[in-house]
C-alpha atoms as a PDB file:
ATOM      1  CA  MET A   1      78.653  23.143 135.400  1.00  0.00           C
ATOM      2  CA  SER A   2      81.933  23.868 134.602  1.00  0.00           C
ATOM      3  CA  ALA A   3      83.399  27.312 133.608  1.00  0.00           C
ATOM      4  CA  SER A   4      83.990  26.707 130.008  1.00  0.00           C
ATOM      5  CA  LYS A   5      80.602  25.715 129.518  1.00  0.00           C
ATOM      6  CA  ASN A   6      79.492  28.393 131.373  1.00  0.00           C
ATOM      7  CA  LYS A   7      82.278  31.184 129.694  1.00  0.00           C
ATOM      8  CA  SER A   8      80.323  29.497 126.369  1.00  0.00           C
ATOM      9  CA  LYS A   9      77.427  29.991 126.835  1.00  0.00           C
ATOM     10  CA  SER A  10      77.469  34.230 127.974  1.00  0.00           C
ATOM     11  CA  GLY A  11      79.561  34.033 124.936  1.00  0.00           C
ATOM     12  CA  ILE A  12      76.545  33.168 122.762  1.00  0.00           C
ATOM     13  CA  VAL A  13      73.962  35.130 124.890  1.00  0.00           C
ATOM     14  CA  THR A  14      76.442  38.096 124.081  1.00  0.00           C
ATOM     15  CA  GLY A  15      76.990  37.896 120.552  1.00  0.00           C
ATOM     16  CA  THR A  16      73.020  37.087 120.218  1.00  0.00           C
ATOM     17  CA  ILE A  17      73.004  41.014 121.735  1.00  0.00           C
ATOM     18  CA  ILE A  18      75.865  42.450 119.662  1.00  0.00           C
ATOM     19  CA  ALA A  19      74.225  41.352 116.694  1.00  0.00           C
ATOM     20  CA  ILE A  20      70.615  42.586 117.427  1.00  0.00           C
ATOM     21  CA  VAL A  21      71.929  45.739 118.586  1.00  0.00           C
ATOM     22  CA  LEU A  22      74.134  46.307 115.339  1.00  0.00           C
ATOM     23  CA  THR A  23      71.409  45.246 113.267  1.00  0.00           C
ATOM     24  CA  ALA A  24      68.857  47.739 114.787  1.00  0.00           C
ATOM     25  CA  LEU A  25      71.523  50.020 114.183  1.00  0.00           C
ATOM     26  CA  MET A  26      72.326  49.366 110.722  1.00  0.00           C
ATOM     27  CA  CYS A  27      68.623  49.227 109.678  1.00  0.00           C
ATOM     28  CA  GLY A  28      67.882  52.635 111.980  1.00  0.00           C
ATOM     29  CA  VAL A  29      70.539  54.386 109.249  1.00  0.00           C
ATOM     30  CA  TYR A  30      69.256  53.144 106.234  1.00  0.00           C
ATOM     31  CA  ALA A  31      65.296  53.924 107.361  1.00  0.00           C
ATOM     32  CA  LEU A  32      66.944  57.344 107.944  1.00  0.00           C
ATOM     33  CA  LEU A  33      68.534  57.634 104.432  1.00  0.00           C
ATOM     34  CA  VAL A  34      65.582  56.341 102.612  1.00  0.00           C
ATOM     35  CA  LYS A  35      63.448  58.711 104.939  1.00  0.00           C
ATOM     36  CA  ASN A  36      65.296  61.702 103.851  1.00  0.00           C
ATOM     37  CA  GLY A  37      65.469  60.974 100.569  1.00  0.00           C
ATOM     38  CA  LYS A  38      69.114  59.860  99.905  1.00  0.00           C
ATOM     39  CA  LEU A  39      68.045  56.397  99.261  1.00  0.00           C
ATOM     40  CA  THR A  40      65.419  54.566  97.687  1.00  0.00           C
ATOM     41  CA  ASP A  41      63.660  51.548  99.080  1.00  0.00           C
ATOM     42  CA  ASP A  42      64.447  49.469  95.621  1.00  0.00           C
ATOM     43  CA  TYR A  43      66.508  47.241  97.066  1.00  0.00           C
ATOM     44  CA  SER A  44      65.857  47.077 100.527  1.00  0.00           C
ATOM     45  CA  ASP A  45      65.805  43.527 100.818  1.00  0.00           C
ATOM     46  CA  VAL A  46      69.337  43.168  99.992  1.00  0.00           C
ATOM     47  CA  ILE A  47      70.482  45.788 102.010  1.00  0.00           C
ATOM     48  CA  ILE A  48      68.345  44.067 104.870  1.00  0.00           C
ATOM     49  CA  SER A  49      69.842  40.840 104.032  1.00  0.00           C
ATOM     50  CA  ALA A  50      73.547  42.253 104.156  1.00  0.00           C
ATOM     51  CA  SER A  51      73.434  43.741 107.609  1.00  0.00           C
ATOM     52  CA  ILE A  52      72.077  40.633 108.838  1.00  0.00           C
ATOM     53  CA  ALA A  53      74.892  39.182 107.675  1.00  0.00           C
ATOM     54  CA  LEU A  54      77.224  41.256 108.617  1.00  0.00           C
ATOM     55  CA  ALA A  55      75.855  41.881 112.167  1.00  0.00           C
ATOM     56  CA  VAL A  56      75.787  38.107 113.037  1.00  0.00           C
ATOM     57  CA  PHE A  57      79.140  37.802 111.738  1.00  0.00           C
ATOM     58  CA  ILE A  58      80.356  40.638 113.924  1.00  0.00           C
ATOM     59  CA  GLY A  59      78.525  39.029 117.294  1.00  0.00           C
ATOM     60  CA  ALA A  60      80.172  35.395 116.158  1.00  0.00           C
ATOM     61  CA  LEU A  61      82.999  37.208 115.703  1.00  0.00           C
ATOM     62  CA  LEU A  62      83.213  38.660 119.177  1.00  0.00           C
ATOM     63  CA  SER A  63      81.838  36.166 121.456  1.00  0.00           C
ATOM     64  CA  ASN A  64      84.776  33.254 120.001  1.00  0.00           C
ATOM     65  CA  SER A  65      86.051  32.695 123.494  1.00  0.00           C
ATOM     66  CA  GLY A  66      88.722  30.778 121.244  1.00  0.00           C
ATOM     67  CA  GLN A  67      88.289  27.702 122.562  1.00  0.00           C
ATOM     68  CA  GLY A  68      86.898  24.387 121.289  1.00  0.00           C
ATOM     69  CA  ARG A  69      83.719  24.530 118.554  1.00  0.00           C
ATOM     70  CA  ARG A  70      84.329  27.855 117.603  1.00  0.00           C
ATOM     71  CA  GLY A  71      82.132  26.931 114.713  1.00  0.00           C
ATOM     72  CA  ILE A  72      79.104  25.547 116.660  1.00  0.00           C
ATOM     73  CA  SER A  73      78.860  28.527 119.127  1.00  0.00           C
ATOM     74  CA  GLY A  74      78.685  30.803 116.132  1.00  0.00           C
ATOM     75  CA  LEU A  75      76.046  28.780 114.192  1.00  0.00           C
ATOM     76  CA  ALA A  76      74.245  28.887 118.016  1.00  0.00           C
ATOM     77  CA  VAL A  77      74.513  32.459 117.617  1.00  0.00           C
ATOM     78  CA  GLY A  78      73.129  32.692 114.316  1.00  0.00           C
ATOM     79  CA  VAL A  79      70.400  30.416 114.997  1.00  0.00           C
ATOM     80  CA  ILE A  80      69.293  32.050 118.528  1.00  0.00           C
ATOM     81  CA  TYR A  81      69.757  35.425 116.316  1.00  0.00           C
ATOM     82  CA  ALA A  82      67.164  34.284 113.867  1.00  0.00           C
ATOM     83  CA  PHE A  83      64.864  32.915 116.501  1.00  0.00           C
ATOM     84  CA  VAL A  84      64.247  36.520 118.125  1.00  0.00           C
ATOM     85  CA  VAL A  85      64.064  38.376 115.313  1.00  0.00           C
ATOM     86  CA  VAL A  86      61.779  36.695 113.301  1.00  0.00           C
ATOM     87  CA  SER A  87      59.796  35.559 116.774  1.00  0.00           C
ATOM     88  CA  VAL A  88      58.943  38.954 117.335  1.00  0.00           C
ATOM     89  CA  PRO A  89      57.516  40.033 113.948  1.00  0.00           C
ATOM     90  CA  LEU A  90      55.304  36.750 113.976  1.00  0.00           C
ATOM     91  CA  LEU A  91      53.866  37.773 117.559  1.00  0.00           C
ATOM     92  CA  ALA A  92      53.080  40.881 116.529  1.00  0.00           C
ATOM     93  CA  TYR A  93      51.438  40.438 113.429  1.00  0.00           C
ATOM     94  CA  PRO A  94      50.505  36.365 113.071  1.00  0.00           C
ATOM     95  CA  THR A  95      48.420  36.938 110.249  1.00  0.00           C
ATOM     96  CA  GLU A  96      50.660  38.883 107.693  1.00  0.00           C
ATOM     97  CA  VAL A  97      53.575  35.397 107.565  1.00  0.00           C
ATOM     98  CA  ASP A  98      56.060  35.205 104.592  1.00  0.00           C
ATOM     99  CA  TRP A  99      57.715  31.833 105.121  1.00  0.00           C
ATOM    100  CA  LEU A 100      60.182  32.733 102.199  1.00  0.00           C
ATOM    101  CA  LYS A 101      61.794  35.765 103.733  1.00  0.00           C
ATOM    102  CA  ILE A 102      61.551  33.743 107.237  1.00  0.00           C
ATOM    103  CA  ILE A 103      63.950  31.076 105.944  1.00  0.00           C
ATOM    104  CA  ARG A 104      66.301  33.185 104.303  1.00  0.00           C
ATOM    105  CA  ILE A 105      66.486  34.885 107.848  1.00  0.00           C
ATOM    106  CA  ILE A 106      67.525  31.555 109.441  1.00  0.00           C
ATOM    107  CA  ALA A 107      69.608  30.662 106.366  1.00  0.00           C
ATOM    108  CA  ILE A 108      71.512  33.768 106.614  1.00  0.00           C
ATOM    109  CA  ALA A 109      72.038  33.660 110.280  1.00  0.00           C
ATOM    110  CA  ALA A 110      72.665  30.575 110.683  1.00  0.00           C
ATOM    111  CA  VAL A 111      75.825  30.482 107.735  1.00  0.00           C
ATOM    112  CA  SER A 112      77.194  34.057 109.071  1.00  0.00           C
ATOM    113  CA  GLY A 113      77.019  33.149 112.037  1.00  0.00           C
ATOM    114  CA  ALA A 114      78.996  29.761 112.018  1.00  0.00           C
ATOM    115  CA  VAL A 115      81.279  31.158 109.243  1.00  0.00           C
ATOM    116  CA  GLY A 116      82.306  34.335 111.971  1.00  0.00           C
ATOM    117  CA  GLY A 117      82.446  31.569 115.179  1.00  0.00           C
ATOM    118  CA  SER A 118      84.793  29.594 112.740  1.00  0.00           C
ATOM    119  CA  ILE A 119      87.206  32.306 112.300  1.00  0.00           C
ATOM    120  CA  ASN A 120      89.670  32.285 115.815  1.00  0.00           C
ATOM    121  CA  LEU A 121      91.385  35.898 116.003  1.00  0.00           C
ATOM    122  CA  VAL A 122      92.104  35.363 119.813  1.00  0.00           C
ATOM    123  CA  LYS A 123      94.443  32.734 118.986  1.00  0.00           C
ATOM    124  CA  SER A 124      95.882  34.397 115.831  1.00  0.00           C
ATOM    125  CA  ASN A 125      96.422  37.871 117.804  1.00  0.00           C
ATOM    126  CA  LYS A 126      98.368  35.732 120.912  1.00  0.00           C
ATOM    127  CA  SER A 127     101.188  34.022 118.488  1.00  0.00           C
ATOM    128  CA  PHE A 128     101.299  37.366 116.829  1.00  0.00           C
ATOM    129  CA  HIS A 129     102.307  39.469 120.203  1.00  0.00           C
ATOM    130  CA  LYS A 130     104.565  36.155 120.987  1.00  0.00           C
ATOM    131  CA  ASN A 131     105.825  35.688 117.820  1.00  0.00           C
ATOM    132  CA  ARG A 132     106.818  40.001 117.601  1.00  0.00           C
ATOM    133  CA  LYS A 133     107.899  39.825 121.646  1.00  0.00           C
ATOM    134  CA  LYS A 134     110.375  37.187 120.579  1.00  0.00           C
ATOM    135  CA  LYS A 135     111.622  39.440 117.712  1.00  0.00           C
ATOM    136  CA  ASN A 136     112.195  42.062 119.801  1.00  0.00           C
END
């Protein structure tokens, strides 16, 4: 196995872990705000969907290695994230399945992962620093 494939796989795992941790932090903060009476749970579906989208976007963005197939690796981060997030409640509560929410989580994670993965910050930062050094 070549080093670039190994780096790509570790980037996907790293991005998925980052996304899961960010989602847990954002949902935990929201739960504390609801518990303390600062917010109501009227818009919980929207806030949870937004936290999933933001977390997967950031996870795919940070896992981007700057090499080819960035959108595909971001999509992989989103799909693996969705599999983990959906499988845990399905295993814990197999009788209470809401397929619409599951499909929504998979769609949000896949789209935001693909968008986050296709943005190439590594290349743009390198070219920015090269141009900056040339001007000085």
